[in-house]
Amino acid sequence: MVYVKQAITHLPINKSHLVATQIHGNKDDGIDDAKVLRLEDSHLFLSFNGGVLRSNLTIKNNYSLGTVHEVIFLVVDGKHYCYYAEDGNLWNAYSKDSAANYLIKDGSNDFVMDKNYVDSYFKIGNYTQSNADKEGADTGKPNNYGEVLVYDFKVSHAAIAPTGIIINPPMLDLVVGQTRQLSVTTLPSDAAAQEVTYSSDNTAVATVNAEGVVTAISRGSAAILATSTDGKFTSTCQVKVVGEAFGPNLALNKTATTTSTHDADHEIANLVDGLTSTRWSVSGYPQTATIDMGAEYTIGRTELVCYKDRDYQFTVSVATEENGEYAQVVDRSDNQTQGAVAYPIIDEFTGVKARYVKLTITGADAYTGTWMSLMEFRVFGEDEKVSLDELSPYQEVKLWPNPVKNIVHFYGDYDFESVLVYDYQGVLVMHQEGSSTSLNIQSLNSGLYVLKFYGNDKIRTSRLLKQ
């Protein structure tokens, strides 16, 4: 919609034609001056690309120069409407949806043209339809000009009706206790944004607040549903919640090989160097990396971090011998999960013996580029569970204080390499690497826990009560 308050005050001497307000289209499509308000002498009329789109439509035959008037051009679903008034009340009436008596009608139709086209825009001002050749000897005379005084104008583009919403990301892997912000995009991209509400179909696994922040509560799966407030559109994010990884990263700084040529210094070794500031980059798909863990382990989990949070699609296969038969343990060939630094793509599977782990990247979902770029690939042992009944009746490692509210300290005559914390169901809830002799468990709920200490090729356990 374009609204103009204006007055045509002067016309050229010989060809006294002038255009004041118009919708300009794409000339290559045969739609140039799609719809214009034109004055020829005292004849004020609508012209539609010089009569190509339809014949002229008269507004009045006796327009007097200097007459202040208001005009509105409105286009809705291809239908063109024109409002015209000289009483100064058009905009006020239009704003109150009571401007029907100002419509320029074509017979019984309220609209003056019914046509869809693209690449158009509004133009306001003085566009004389003459030139020096037509004005001849009068060209240089001081009073040979066209003039339009514009007192006010308004332009608005009605919001495009939405056709749906998309929740982002559509799939999500979280560790117990993690949170993640979701977002919603309205389709098409230039449609009016939709207000949405969020809900979870399994709040025991994952909850979501009104702002779209998901919180991982316990292991399992949940669907987070975004619904437009008018109820017309929905979109779902599938959430998988897992526990902390068990034990050390078995792929860390191990030998990684590939048959592809890497880009610049983005070599294959970067895939397992433990740093998310480096990456392995190769052009094209598929790409394969094979990691030799140096010994045979029982593994049950992999994690993949992708460059720029990309959603690469891949498979993971394992073998016990370098040239042995590989068995597939992970199939992410339809993956839509983004592999962010804080939120890697996590896969857990039944424990399998392996020394060689083969990662094959086959493509990507939303990412449409040709580059395969990965920051980290990690491999972990099978997630053990512990039973309180199987524990020794005495504390193998001294804990203080016990019960504890926040920080617990360890005492013993050996070095600790790592400590794992399990809840009363035997599920891993916390994991700390290094030789620190204390652990902050403030984030854990009150209850009974089992701590497993790794060091000096031995495993020791103790019970801890969290207040």
Protein backbone atom coordinates (compact mmCIF):
# COMPACT_ATOMS: atom_id res chain seq x y z
CA MET A 1 0.00 0.00 0.00
CA VAL A 2 1.13 3.53 -0.82
CA TYR A 3 -0.65 6.66 0.39
CA VAL A 4 0.16 10.13 -0.97
CA LYS A 5 -1.17 13.59 -0.19
CA GLN A 6 -0.15 15.81 -3.09
CA ALA A 7 -1.03 18.50 -5.61
CA ILE A 8 -0.08 18.69 -9.28
CA THR A 9 0.78 22.36 -9.70
CA HIS A 10 2.37 22.76 -13.14
CA LEU A 11 2.60 21.00 -16.52
CA PRO A 12 4.99 21.36 -19.47
CA ILE A 13 3.85 23.84 -22.17
CA ASN A 14 3.47 21.68 -25.28
CA LYS A 15 3.07 18.11 -24.04
CA SER A 16 1.24 18.80 -20.81
CA HIS A 17 1.40 15.25 -19.48
CA LEU A 18 2.65 14.18 -16.07
CA VAL A 19 2.68 11.06 -13.84
CA ALA A 20 2.52 11.61 -10.08
CA THR A 21 2.11 8.24 -8.32
CA GLN A 22 2.84 4.80 -9.73
CA ILE A 23 3.64 1.13 -9.31
CA HIS A 24 6.70 0.34 -11.39
CA GLY A 25 7.24 -3.24 -12.57
CA ASN A 26 9.83 -5.21 -14.49
CA LYS A 27 10.18 -3.85 -18.01
CA ASP A 28 11.67 -7.13 -19.27
CA ASP A 29 8.44 -8.88 -18.21
CA GLY A 30 6.31 -6.40 -20.17
CA ILE A 31 5.22 -4.67 -16.97
CA ASP A 32 6.86 -1.27 -16.76
CA ASP A 33 4.46 1.43 -15.54
CA ALA A 34 2.11 -1.20 -14.15
CA LYS A 35 -0.32 1.30 -12.66
CA VAL A 36 0.05 5.10 -12.70
CA LEU A 37 -1.91 8.20 -11.71
CA ARG A 38 -1.55 10.40 -14.81
CA LEU A 39 -2.67 13.92 -15.72
CA GLU A 40 -3.01 15.03 -19.35
CA ASP A 41 -4.16 18.64 -19.44
CA SER A 42 -7.15 18.39 -17.07
CA HIS A 43 -7.81 14.66 -17.58
CA LEU A 44 -6.78 12.75 -14.46
CA PHE A 45 -6.84 9.00 -14.97
CA LEU A 46 -5.26 5.63 -14.21
CA SER A 47 -3.05 4.11 -16.89
CA PHE A 48 -1.86 0.52 -16.90
CA ASN A 49 1.43 0.31 -18.78
CA GLY A 50 0.09 2.55 -21.51
CA GLY A 51 -3.01 0.45 -22.05
CA VAL A 52 -1.06 -2.82 -22.45
CA LEU A 53 -2.34 -4.41 -19.24
CA ARG A 54 -5.84 -2.94 -19.55
CA SER A 55 -7.52 0.23 -20.84
CA ASN A 56 -7.28 3.59 -19.06
CA LEU A 57 -9.72 4.40 -16.27
CA THR A 58 -10.80 8.01 -15.72
CA ILE A 59 -10.81 9.53 -12.22
CA LYS A 60 -11.98 13.01 -13.35
CA ASN A 61 -11.92 15.12 -16.52
CA ASN A 62 -11.66 18.54 -14.89
CA TYR A 63 -8.71 18.44 -12.53
CA SER A 64 -7.53 21.96 -11.66
CA LEU A 65 -3.81 22.48 -11.15
CA GLY A 66 -2.98 23.00 -7.50
CA THR A 67 -5.86 20.90 -6.17
CA VAL A 68 -4.66 19.03 -3.12
CA HIS A 69 -5.77 15.40 -3.20
CA GLU A 70 -5.10 12.11 -1.52
CA VAL A 71 -4.58 8.82 -3.35
CA ILE A 72 -4.05 5.25 -2.14
CA PHE A 73 -2.79 2.37 -4.27
CA LEU A 74 -3.50 -0.99 -2.62
CA VAL A 75 -2.64 -4.46 -3.96
CA VAL A 76 -4.07 -7.56 -2.28
CA ASP A 77 -3.64 -11.05 -3.81
CA GLY A 78 -3.07 -9.51 -7.24
CA LYS A 79 -6.11 -7.24 -7.09
CA HIS A 80 -5.30 -3.54 -7.49
CA TYR A 81 -7.43 -0.96 -5.69
CA CYS A 82 -7.34 2.84 -5.98
CA TYR A 83 -8.81 5.36 -3.54
CA TYR A 84 -9.02 9.06 -4.43
CA ALA A 85 -10.31 12.08 -2.48
CA GLU A 86 -10.06 15.86 -2.47
CA ASP A 87 -11.81 16.50 0.86
CA GLY A 88 -8.78 15.71 3.05
CA ASN A 89 -10.49 12.79 4.80
CA LEU A 90 -9.19 9.77 2.87
CA TRP A 91 -6.45 8.61 5.22
CA ASN A 92 -8.62 9.07 8.27
CA ALA A 93 -11.41 7.06 6.67
CA TYR A 94 -9.05 4.36 5.38
CA SER A 95 -7.51 3.97 8.84
CA LYS A 96 -11.00 3.31 10.22
CA ASP A 97 -11.84 0.88 7.40
CA SER A 98 -14.57 3.20 6.16
CA ALA A 99 -13.15 4.48 2.86
CA ALA A 100 -15.39 2.48 0.51
CA ASN A 101 -16.99 5.62 -0.94
CA TYR A 102 -13.54 6.80 -2.09
CA LEU A 103 -12.89 3.70 -4.22
CA ILE A 104 -12.37 4.20 -7.93
CA LYS A 105 -14.52 1.47 -9.41
CA ASP A 106 -14.48 -0.25 -12.77
CA GLY A 107 -18.12 -1.00 -13.37
CA SER A 108 -19.24 -3.38 -10.62
CA ASN A 109 -15.68 -4.22 -9.53
CA ASP A 110 -14.12 -2.53 -6.52
CA PHE A 111 -10.68 -3.33 -7.95
CA VAL A 112 -9.25 -1.75 -11.09
CA MET A 113 -6.92 -4.58 -12.19
CA ASP A 114 -6.42 -8.24 -11.28
CA LYS A 115 -2.88 -9.30 -12.08
CA ASN A 116 0.05 -10.89 -10.23
CA TYR A 117 3.65 -9.97 -11.04
CA VAL A 118 7.00 -9.66 -9.28
CA ASP A 119 9.93 -7.21 -9.02
CA SER A 120 7.71 -4.17 -8.49
CA TYR A 121 7.97 -1.05 -6.35
CA PHE A 122 6.16 2.23 -5.61
CA LYS A 123 7.24 5.59 -7.06
CA ILE A 124 6.08 9.02 -5.85
CA GLY A 125 6.81 12.46 -7.33
CA ASN A 126 7.01 14.29 -10.60
CA TYR A 127 7.57 12.27 -13.80
CA THR A 128 6.95 14.53 -16.79
CA GLN A 129 6.08 12.78 -20.05
CA SER A 130 7.79 15.31 -22.29
CA ASN A 131 11.32 16.12 -23.43
CA ALA A 132 13.34 18.81 -25.22
CA ASP A 133 12.36 17.57 -28.68
CA LYS A 134 8.65 17.73 -27.87
CA GLU A 135 8.95 21.14 -26.22
CA GLY A 136 10.97 22.56 -29.11
CA ALA A 137 11.62 26.30 -28.90
CA ASP A 138 9.85 26.45 -25.54
CA THR A 139 12.36 24.12 -23.88
CA GLY A 140 14.34 26.79 -22.09
CA LYS A 141 11.46 28.95 -20.94
CA PRO A 142 11.30 29.45 -17.15
CA ASN A 143 7.68 28.33 -16.98
CA ASN A 144 8.20 25.14 -18.98
CA TYR A 145 8.28 22.49 -16.30
CA GLY A 146 6.21 19.96 -14.41
CA GLU A 147 5.69 20.10 -10.69
CA VAL A 148 4.09 17.97 -7.97
CA LEU A 149 4.00 19.08 -4.36
CA VAL A 150 4.04 16.10 -1.96
CA TYR A 151 2.71 16.92 1.51
CA ASP A 152 2.71 13.44 3.02
CA PHE A 153 3.14 9.80 2.10
CA LYS A 154 3.07 6.37 3.73
CA VAL A 155 4.19 2.98 2.43
CA SER A 156 3.54 -0.42 3.94
CA HIS A 157 4.00 -3.97 2.75
CA ALA A 158 1.52 -6.41 4.23
CA ALA A 159 3.06 -9.40 5.98
CA ILE A 160 3.13 -12.54 3.88
CA ALA A 161 0.97 -15.26 5.36
CA PRO A 162 3.07 -17.97 7.05
CA THR A 163 2.93 -21.55 5.79
CA GLY A 164 4.65 -23.28 8.71
CA ILE A 165 7.35 -23.20 11.37
CA ILE A 166 10.64 -25.07 11.78
CA ILE A 167 12.21 -25.74 15.16
CA ASN A 168 15.99 -25.58 15.28
CA PRO A 169 17.81 -27.82 15.82
CA PRO A 170 15.44 -30.64 14.75
CA MET A 171 17.49 -33.25 16.66
CA LEU A 172 19.51 -32.84 19.82
CA ASP A 173 21.89 -34.93 21.93
CA LEU A 174 22.29 -33.81 25.55
CA VAL A 175 24.12 -35.06 28.63
CA VAL A 176 22.15 -35.19 31.88
CA GLY A 177 22.13 -31.70 33.40
CA GLN A 178 22.83 -29.84 30.15
CA THR A 179 20.59 -27.11 28.76
CA ARG A 180 20.11 -25.95 25.17
CA GLN A 181 18.27 -23.01 23.63
CA LEU A 182 15.89 -23.84 20.79
CA SER A 183 14.72 -21.37 18.16
CA VAL A 184 11.84 -21.32 15.69
CA THR A 185 11.88 -20.04 12.09
CA THR A 186 8.69 -19.04 10.29
CA LEU A 187 8.17 -20.15 6.69
CA PRO A 188 8.55 -18.56 4.22
CA SER A 189 11.48 -16.44 5.34
CA ASP A 190 9.67 -13.15 4.62
CA ALA A 191 6.46 -14.14 6.40
CA ALA A 192 5.36 -12.63 9.70
CA ALA A 193 7.15 -14.31 12.61
CA GLN A 194 4.97 -16.64 14.63
CA GLU A 195 4.67 -16.65 18.41
CA VAL A 196 5.04 -20.19 19.73
CA THR A 197 4.60 -22.24 22.87
CA TYR A 198 6.77 -25.21 23.83
CA SER A 199 5.99 -28.54 25.47
CA SER A 200 7.73 -31.86 26.20
CA ASP A 201 6.10 -35.27 25.81
CA ASN A 202 8.41 -36.76 28.48
CA THR A 203 9.27 -34.31 31.25
CA ALA A 204 11.01 -37.07 33.20
CA VAL A 205 13.70 -37.03 30.48
CA ALA A 206 13.70 -33.40 29.25
CA THR A 207 11.79 -30.26 30.15
CA VAL A 208 11.38 -27.03 28.21
CA ASN A 209 10.47 -23.55 29.44
CA ALA A 210 8.44 -20.81 27.77
CA GLU A 211 11.56 -19.37 26.10
CA GLY A 212 12.48 -22.69 24.47
CA VAL A 213 15.33 -23.68 26.82
CA VAL A 214 15.56 -27.47 27.08
CA THR A 215 16.94 -29.09 30.26
CA ALA A 216 18.14 -32.71 30.23
CA ILE A 217 16.79 -34.48 33.34
CA SER A 218 17.58 -38.18 32.89
CA ARG A 219 18.53 -40.75 30.28
CA GLY A 220 16.01 -41.44 27.56
CA SER A 221 14.20 -39.75 24.70
CA ALA A 222 11.73 -36.88 24.53
CA ALA A 223 10.02 -34.84 21.84
CA ILE A 224 9.92 -31.06 22.25
CA LEU A 225 6.93 -29.61 20.40
CA ALA A 226 6.72 -26.01 19.23
CA THR A 227 3.17 -24.86 18.45
CA SER A 228 2.15 -21.52 16.96
CA THR A 229 -0.16 -19.66 19.31
CA ASP A 230 -2.97 -19.81 16.75
CA GLY A 231 -2.57 -23.60 16.70
CA LYS A 232 -2.04 -23.77 12.94
CA PHE A 233 1.58 -24.90 12.85
CA THR A 234 3.79 -27.32 14.78
CA SER A 235 7.38 -28.54 14.61
CA THR A 236 9.24 -31.13 16.71
CA CYS A 237 12.77 -31.48 18.07
CA GLN A 238 13.76 -35.04 18.99
CA VAL A 239 15.92 -35.01 22.13
CA LYS A 240 18.15 -37.86 23.26
CA VAL A 241 19.59 -37.64 26.78
CA VAL A 242 22.63 -39.68 27.82
CA GLY A 243 24.90 -39.83 30.84
CA GLU A 244 28.52 -38.74 31.16
CA ALA A 245 31.03 -40.64 29.04
CA PHE A 246 32.65 -43.61 30.80
CA GLY A 247 36.41 -43.49 31.28
CA PRO A 248 39.01 -41.77 29.12
CA ASN A 249 38.79 -40.91 25.43
CA LEU A 250 40.38 -44.02 23.87
CA ALA A 251 41.00 -42.24 20.56
CA LEU A 252 42.93 -39.32 22.07
CA ASN A 253 46.25 -38.77 20.27
CA LYS A 254 46.06 -42.21 18.67
CA THR A 255 47.11 -42.91 15.07
CA ALA A 256 44.51 -41.73 12.55
CA THR A 257 44.82 -42.46 8.83
CA THR A 258 42.94 -41.56 5.66
CA THR A 259 43.44 -41.91 1.92
CA SER A 260 42.38 -38.30 1.21
CA THR A 261 44.52 -35.18 0.87
CA HIS A 262 43.76 -32.62 3.56
CA ASP A 263 43.36 -28.88 3.08
CA ALA A 264 46.32 -26.69 4.18
CA ASP A 265 47.34 -27.67 7.72
CA HIS A 266 43.97 -29.25 8.55
CA GLU A 267 45.44 -32.75 8.74
CA ILE A 268 43.92 -36.01 9.92
CA ALA A 269 45.82 -35.94 13.24
CA ASN A 270 43.71 -32.95 14.28
CA LEU A 271 40.70 -35.25 14.44
CA VAL A 272 42.00 -36.92 17.63
CA ASP A 273 44.26 -34.29 19.20
CA GLY A 274 41.77 -33.34 21.92
CA LEU A 275 41.53 -29.74 20.66
CA THR A 276 38.43 -28.07 19.25
CA SER A 277 40.59 -25.25 17.91
CA THR A 278 41.93 -27.52 15.14
CA ARG A 279 40.17 -29.54 12.47
CA TRP A 280 40.51 -32.12 9.73
CA SER A 281 39.26 -30.77 6.39
CA VAL A 282 38.87 -32.48 3.02
CA SER A 283 36.85 -31.54 -0.04
CA GLY A 284 34.05 -33.86 -1.18
CA TYR A 285 32.20 -36.97 0.03
CA PRO A 286 32.54 -39.68 1.15
CA GLN A 287 35.55 -39.35 3.46
CA THR A 288 36.94 -42.01 5.80
CA ALA A 289 39.19 -41.85 8.85
CA THR A 290 40.48 -44.93 10.64
CA ILE A 291 41.72 -44.69 14.22
CA ASP A 292 44.06 -47.31 15.66
CA MET A 293 43.51 -47.25 19.44
CA GLY A 294 46.73 -49.24 19.94
CA ALA A 295 45.06 -52.07 21.86
CA GLU A 296 41.78 -53.91 22.00
CA TYR A 297 39.06 -52.36 24.14
CA THR A 298 35.38 -52.91 24.76
CA ILE A 299 33.83 -49.70 23.48
CA GLY A 300 30.24 -48.45 23.68
CA ARG A 301 30.17 -44.76 22.78
CA THR A 302 31.41 -42.25 20.19
CA GLU A 303 31.21 -38.45 20.03
CA LEU A 304 31.66 -36.24 16.97
CA VAL A 305 32.29 -32.48 16.95
CA CYS A 306 31.75 -30.80 13.58
CA TYR A 307 33.23 -27.57 12.28
CA LYS A 308 30.78 -24.64 12.57
CA ASP A 309 28.15 -26.89 14.21
CA ARG A 310 27.47 -28.70 10.94
CA ASP A 311 25.14 -31.69 10.72
CA TYR A 312 27.29 -34.23 8.92
CA GLN A 313 25.90 -37.67 8.16
CA PHE A 314 28.09 -40.68 8.87
CA THR A 315 28.59 -44.28 9.97
CA VAL A 316 31.00 -45.82 12.48
CA SER A 317 32.38 -49.33 12.06
CA VAL A 318 34.86 -51.32 14.18
CA ALA A 319 37.30 -54.19 13.79
CA THR A 320 39.76 -56.04 16.01
CA GLU A 321 42.35 -56.44 13.22
CA GLU A 322 43.70 -53.86 10.79
CA ASN A 323 42.57 -55.79 7.72
CA GLY A 324 39.75 -57.58 9.46
CA GLU A 325 36.02 -57.41 8.83
CA TYR A 326 34.42 -54.18 10.04
CA ALA A 327 31.07 -54.24 11.84
CA GLN A 328 28.87 -51.16 11.80
CA VAL A 329 27.93 -49.87 15.27
CA VAL A 330 26.59 -46.40 14.43
CA ASP A 331 24.34 -45.41 11.54
CA ARG A 332 23.85 -41.65 11.25
CA SER A 333 23.35 -41.66 7.49
CA ASP A 334 20.14 -39.62 8.00
CA ASN A 335 21.57 -37.41 10.74
CA GLN A 336 20.09 -33.96 11.43
CA THR A 337 21.85 -33.33 14.76
CA GLN A 338 24.38 -30.51 14.84
CA GLY A 339 27.81 -31.46 16.16
CA ALA A 340 28.61 -28.39 18.28
CA VAL A 341 31.57 -28.11 20.65
CA ALA A 342 29.36 -28.06 23.73
CA TYR A 343 26.85 -30.47 22.20
CA PRO A 344 28.63 -33.19 20.21
CA ILE A 345 26.77 -35.88 18.26
CA ILE A 346 26.68 -38.75 20.77
CA ASP A 347 25.98 -42.40 20.01
CA GLU A 348 25.82 -45.23 22.57
CA PHE A 349 25.71 -48.88 21.63
CA THR A 350 26.11 -52.34 23.15
CA GLY A 351 29.72 -52.95 24.11
CA VAL A 352 31.87 -54.38 21.33
CA LYS A 353 35.54 -55.34 21.23
CA ALA A 354 37.57 -53.18 18.89
CA ARG A 355 41.01 -51.82 18.18
CA TYR A 356 40.26 -50.07 14.89
CA VAL A 357 37.42 -47.56 14.55
CA LYS A 358 36.41 -46.35 11.09
CA LEU A 359 34.46 -43.09 10.67
CA THR A 360 32.87 -42.55 7.24
CA ILE A 361 31.31 -39.16 6.40
CA THR A 362 28.72 -39.51 3.64
CA GLY A 363 27.16 -36.05 3.44
CA ALA A 364 25.28 -33.46 5.48
CA ASP A 365 21.70 -32.36 6.08
CA ALA A 366 21.26 -28.56 6.27
CA TYR A 367 24.87 -27.78 5.35
CA THR A 368 25.07 -27.67 1.54
CA GLY A 369 28.78 -27.00 1.00
CA THR A 370 31.29 -29.48 -0.39
CA TRP A 371 33.77 -29.40 2.49
CA MET A 372 34.02 -32.10 5.12
CA SER A 373 35.47 -30.49 8.28
CA LEU A 374 35.59 -32.22 11.67
CA MET A 375 37.07 -30.91 14.89
CA GLU A 376 37.08 -33.99 17.16
CA PHE A 377 36.16 -37.66 17.15
CA ARG A 378 36.12 -39.45 20.50
CA VAL A 379 35.72 -43.09 21.50
CA PHE A 380 34.77 -44.32 24.97
CA GLY A 381 34.42 -47.63 26.73
CA GLU A 382 31.10 -49.29 27.40
CA ASP A 383 29.16 -47.47 30.10
CA GLU A 384 29.39 -49.64 33.19
CA LYS A 385 26.79 -49.71 35.92
CA VAL A 386 27.47 -50.41 39.53
CA SER A 387 25.33 -52.13 42.14
CA LEU A 388 25.34 -51.00 45.74
CA ASP A 389 24.97 -54.62 46.82
CA GLU A 390 28.22 -55.57 45.12
CA LEU A 391 30.30 -53.00 46.96
CA SER A 392 32.66 -53.82 49.76
CA PRO A 393 31.05 -53.06 53.16
CA TYR A 394 33.93 -50.70 53.99
CA GLN A 395 35.10 -47.52 52.28
CA GLU A 396 38.07 -48.34 50.03
CA VAL A 397 38.82 -44.61 49.75
CA LYS A 398 38.28 -42.26 52.66
CA LEU A 399 35.86 -39.43 51.91
CA TRP A 400 35.43 -36.24 53.93
CA PRO A 401 33.00 -34.85 54.76
CA ASN A 402 30.47 -37.63 54.35
CA PRO A 403 27.59 -36.73 54.22
CA VAL A 404 28.52 -33.71 52.10
CA LYS A 405 26.75 -30.67 50.65
CA ASN A 406 29.18 -29.33 48.05
CA ILE A 407 32.84 -30.43 47.95
CA VAL A 408 34.09 -33.86 48.97
CA HIS A 409 37.79 -34.65 49.57
CA PHE A 410 39.59 -37.99 48.97
CA TYR A 411 42.33 -39.57 51.03
CA GLY A 412 44.59 -42.50 50.15
CA ASP A 413 48.19 -43.59 49.61
CA TYR A 414 47.92 -43.81 45.83
CA ASP A 415 47.40 -41.44 42.90
CA PHE A 416 43.96 -40.95 41.34
CA GLU A 417 43.78 -40.73 37.56
CA SER A 418 40.00 -40.28 37.37
CA VAL A 419 36.86 -40.55 39.46
CA LEU A 420 33.37 -41.54 38.27
CA VAL A 421 30.17 -40.88 40.21
CA TYR A 422 27.11 -43.16 39.91
CA ASP A 423 23.61 -42.59 41.28
CA TYR A 424 21.58 -45.13 43.26
CA GLN A 425 20.34 -46.67 39.98
CA GLY A 426 23.90 -47.32 38.90
CA VAL A 427 23.88 -44.59 36.21
CA LEU A 428 26.99 -42.49 35.61
CA VAL A 429 26.19 -38.87 36.50
CA MET A 430 29.63 -37.24 36.80
CA HIS A 431 33.15 -37.83 35.53
CA GLN A 432 36.37 -36.06 36.51
CA GLU A 433 39.78 -36.65 34.96
CA GLY A 434 43.07 -35.83 36.66
CA SER A 435 44.71 -36.27 40.05
CA SER A 436 42.64 -33.75 42.00
CA THR A 437 41.82 -34.94 45.53
CA SER A 438 38.46 -33.17 45.68
CA LEU A 439 35.22 -33.06 43.71
CA ASN A 440 32.41 -30.48 43.59
CA ILE A 441 29.07 -32.30 43.60
CA GLN A 442 26.90 -29.25 44.28
CA SER A 443 24.92 -29.85 41.07
CA LEU A 444 23.83 -33.35 42.12
CA ASN A 445 20.52 -34.07 43.80
CA SER A 446 20.43 -35.27 47.40
CA GLY A 447 20.85 -39.03 47.77
CA LEU A 448 23.27 -41.95 47.89
CA TYR A 449 26.10 -42.17 45.32
CA VAL A 450 28.95 -44.53 44.48
CA LEU A 451 32.38 -43.14 43.62
CA LYS A 452 34.77 -45.26 41.54
CA PHE A 453 38.44 -44.27 41.62
CA TYR A 454 40.87 -45.25 38.85
CA GLY A 455 44.62 -45.23 39.44
CA ASN A 456 47.71 -47.46 39.64
CA ASP A 457 45.90 -50.01 37.43
CA LYS A 458 43.31 -50.55 40.14
CA ILE A 459 39.69 -49.57 40.75
CA ARG A 460 38.47 -48.62 44.21
CA THR A 461 34.96 -47.71 45.31
CA SER A 462 33.32 -45.75 48.13
CA ARG A 463 29.81 -44.63 49.04
CA LEU A 464 28.87 -40.99 49.48
CA LEU A 465 25.73 -39.40 50.88
CA LYS A 466 24.82 -36.04 49.27
CA GLN A 467 22.76 -33.82 51.57
